[in-house]
Amino acid sequence: MPRMLKITGNDYHRFWAKVICELGGKRCWTWQGARWPHGPDGYGQFMWEGHCQNATRVVWFFTYGEWPQSDVLHDCDNPPCVRIDHLHMGNAALNGREKIERGRHNPPIGERARHAILSGDQVLKIRSLRAQGVKLRILAETYGVAISTIQAACNGQSWKHLG
């Protein structure tokens, strides 16, 4: 962040008013304000000096007096947590490695995949029709997709989880 940020007492109190600090042990301190993406498992967002800031970056600034120069990652794997001793500096590559090491890397598959056009039921039907000899072109026209999409679904390049 290129500009200098100032901490006012109001900012500090407004921030901590949005946090539930569970005492004892190493429990997370859970952000209760706005979250991105919206929902209970989203990352905290805090409006500060007219800009929406990630709550973990703000707590880093409050603690260390300087804006983090890279990403602030969670040791606890709990996105709404703002407990400073649950946070560490990193980057996208480290975050990706930690996701895999901790078993959090579950890319969306099937209908949950961002670019999915077909449903799982449609893919199963397409595979059945193809096995009966229906031409790729006919299936593509019927389902409104490219022939390559039908080919990938039939030969297992896509929708692998369906077997």
Protein backbone atom coordinates (compact mmCIF):
# COMPACT_ATOMS: atom_id res chain seq x y z
CA MET A 1 0.00 0.00 0.00
CA PRO A 2 1.77 3.15 -1.18
CA ARG A 3 0.11 5.74 1.07
CA MET A 4 0.71 6.13 4.77
CA LEU A 5 -2.05 4.81 7.00
CA LYS A 6 -2.87 6.33 10.34
CA ILE A 7 -4.29 4.48 13.30
CA THR A 8 -6.84 6.43 15.27
CA GLY A 9 -8.31 5.22 18.53
CA ASN A 10 -11.65 5.04 16.77
CA ASP A 11 -10.27 2.74 14.02
CA TYR A 12 -8.62 0.48 16.58
CA HIS A 13 -11.75 0.18 18.75
CA ARG A 14 -14.02 -0.19 15.73
CA PHE A 15 -11.84 -3.05 14.46
CA TRP A 16 -11.70 -4.98 17.74
CA ALA A 17 -15.44 -4.49 18.31
CA LYS A 18 -15.92 -6.83 15.31
CA VAL A 19 -13.82 -9.64 16.82
CA ILE A 20 -14.75 -12.41 19.25
CA CYS A 21 -11.59 -13.19 21.23
CA GLU A 22 -11.92 -16.59 22.82
CA LEU A 23 -9.52 -16.79 25.73
CA GLY A 24 -7.55 -19.83 26.74
CA GLY A 25 -5.38 -22.07 24.67
CA LYS A 26 -4.77 -21.20 21.05
CA ARG A 27 -8.38 -20.57 20.02
CA CYS A 28 -9.05 -18.41 16.97
CA TRP A 29 -10.19 -14.83 17.30
CA THR A 30 -13.11 -14.72 14.90
CA TRP A 31 -13.96 -11.73 12.74
CA GLN A 32 -17.67 -10.88 12.97
CA GLY A 33 -17.82 -8.05 10.44
CA ALA A 34 -18.14 -8.17 6.67
CA ARG A 35 -16.56 -11.15 4.91
CA TRP A 36 -15.39 -12.02 1.44
CA PRO A 37 -16.63 -14.16 -0.12
CA HIS A 38 -19.84 -13.58 1.79
CA GLY A 39 -20.61 -16.24 4.35
CA PRO A 40 -19.38 -17.61 7.64
CA ASP A 41 -16.13 -18.99 6.21
CA GLY A 42 -15.06 -15.82 4.37
CA TYR A 43 -12.07 -13.58 5.03
CA GLY A 44 -12.69 -10.53 7.22
CA GLN A 45 -13.07 -7.15 5.51
CA PHE A 46 -12.63 -3.83 7.32
CA MET A 47 -13.43 -0.36 5.94
CA TRP A 48 -10.49 1.86 6.78
CA GLU A 49 -9.68 5.31 5.41
CA GLY A 50 -12.28 4.84 2.70
CA HIS A 51 -10.94 1.50 1.46
CA CYS A 52 -12.04 -2.06 2.12
CA GLN A 53 -9.03 -3.85 3.65
CA ASN A 54 -8.42 -7.49 4.48
CA ALA A 55 -8.78 -7.80 8.28
CA THR A 56 -5.64 -9.96 8.60
CA ARG A 57 -3.58 -7.24 6.93
CA VAL A 58 -5.08 -4.62 9.24
CA VAL A 59 -4.30 -6.62 12.40
CA TRP A 60 -0.75 -7.13 11.06
CA PHE A 61 -0.44 -3.35 10.69
CA PHE A 62 -1.87 -2.75 14.17
CA THR A 63 0.63 -5.23 15.64
CA TYR A 64 3.82 -4.43 13.74
CA GLY A 65 3.25 -0.82 12.63
CA GLU A 66 3.86 -1.49 8.95
CA TRP A 67 1.70 -2.66 6.10
CA PRO A 68 2.52 -6.27 5.10
CA GLN A 69 4.58 -6.39 1.90
CA SER A 70 3.25 -9.83 0.96
CA ASP A 71 0.27 -12.04 1.77
CA VAL A 72 -0.80 -12.75 5.34
CA LEU A 73 -1.50 -16.48 5.67
CA HIS A 74 -3.27 -18.50 8.36
CA ASP A 75 -1.59 -21.22 10.42
CA CYS A 76 -5.05 -22.24 11.67
CA ASP A 77 -6.66 -22.52 8.19
CA ASN A 78 -9.59 -20.46 9.47
CA PRO A 79 -10.21 -17.50 7.09
CA PRO A 80 -12.15 -15.33 9.58
CA CYS A 81 -9.39 -15.64 12.24
CA VAL A 82 -7.47 -12.45 13.06
CA ARG A 83 -5.39 -13.73 15.98
CA ILE A 84 -1.89 -12.44 15.21
CA ASP A 85 -0.08 -15.55 16.46
CA HIS A 86 -2.14 -17.60 13.99
CA LEU A 87 -0.82 -15.52 11.07
CA HIS A 88 2.41 -15.47 9.10
CA MET A 89 3.78 -13.78 6.00
CA GLY A 90 3.89 -15.65 2.72
CA ASN A 91 2.97 -15.55 -0.93
CA ALA A 92 0.64 -17.35 -3.31
CA ALA A 93 3.14 -20.18 -3.89
CA LEU A 94 3.58 -20.83 -0.17
CA ASN A 95 -0.18 -20.64 0.35
CA GLY A 96 -0.64 -23.24 -2.41
CA ARG A 97 1.94 -25.57 -0.86
CA GLU A 98 0.32 -25.21 2.58
CA LYS A 99 -3.10 -26.00 1.10
CA ILE A 100 -1.78 -29.24 -0.38
CA GLU A 101 0.23 -30.20 2.74
CA ARG A 102 -2.81 -29.61 4.98
CA GLY A 103 -5.29 -31.34 2.69
CA ARG A 104 -7.26 -28.17 1.90
CA HIS A 105 -6.68 -28.30 -1.84
CA ASN A 106 -9.94 -29.62 -3.22
CA PRO A 107 -10.56 -27.96 -6.56
CA PRO A 108 -14.21 -27.82 -7.57
CA ILE A 109 -15.19 -30.69 -9.83
CA GLY A 110 -18.21 -31.55 -11.92
CA GLU A 111 -21.05 -29.07 -11.74
CA ARG A 112 -19.20 -27.04 -9.09
CA ALA A 113 -16.37 -26.29 -11.54
CA ARG A 114 -16.44 -22.68 -12.69
CA HIS A 115 -16.71 -23.44 -16.41
CA ALA A 116 -19.03 -26.45 -16.24
CA ILE A 117 -21.72 -26.42 -18.89
CA LEU A 118 -23.08 -29.92 -18.47
CA SER A 119 -24.48 -31.60 -15.38
CA GLY A 120 -23.29 -34.96 -14.10
CA ASP A 121 -26.56 -36.57 -15.16
CA GLN A 122 -26.13 -35.17 -18.68
CA VAL A 123 -22.59 -36.54 -18.91
CA LEU A 124 -23.76 -40.00 -17.87
CA LYS A 125 -26.53 -39.86 -20.49
CA ILE A 126 -24.08 -38.64 -23.15
CA ARG A 127 -21.72 -41.51 -22.36
CA SER A 128 -24.58 -43.97 -22.60
CA LEU A 129 -25.77 -42.57 -25.92
CA ARG A 130 -22.23 -42.53 -27.31
CA ALA A 131 -21.79 -46.19 -26.29
CA GLN A 132 -24.95 -46.90 -28.31
CA GLY A 133 -23.32 -45.33 -31.36
CA VAL A 134 -24.78 -41.81 -31.39
CA LYS A 135 -22.40 -39.53 -33.28
CA LEU A 136 -20.37 -36.85 -31.48
CA ARG A 137 -21.83 -34.11 -33.71
CA ILE A 138 -25.40 -35.09 -32.83
CA LEU A 139 -24.60 -35.13 -29.10
CA ALA A 140 -22.87 -31.76 -29.33
CA GLU A 141 -25.86 -30.22 -31.12
CA THR A 142 -28.33 -31.83 -28.71
CA TYR A 143 -26.56 -30.49 -25.60
CA GLY A 144 -25.44 -27.18 -27.11
CA VAL A 145 -21.72 -27.72 -26.59
CA ALA A 146 -18.64 -28.18 -28.75
CA ILE A 147 -17.73 -31.60 -30.11
CA SER A 148 -14.50 -31.39 -28.09
CA THR A 149 -16.58 -31.06 -24.89
CA ILE A 150 -18.47 -34.24 -25.77
CA GLN A 151 -15.22 -36.05 -26.64
CA ALA A 152 -13.59 -35.02 -23.34
CA ALA A 153 -16.65 -36.16 -21.36
CA CYS A 154 -16.81 -39.50 -23.18
CA ASN A 155 -13.11 -40.40 -23.04
CA GLY A 156 -12.67 -39.35 -19.39
CA GLN A 157 -10.54 -36.25 -19.93
CA SER A 158 -13.25 -34.35 -18.08
CA TRP A 159 -15.70 -35.58 -15.46
CA LYS A 160 -13.14 -38.19 -14.28
CA HIS A 161 -14.89 -38.48 -10.93
CA LEU A 162 -17.87 -40.11 -12.69
CA GLY A 163 -15.69 -43.09 -13.62
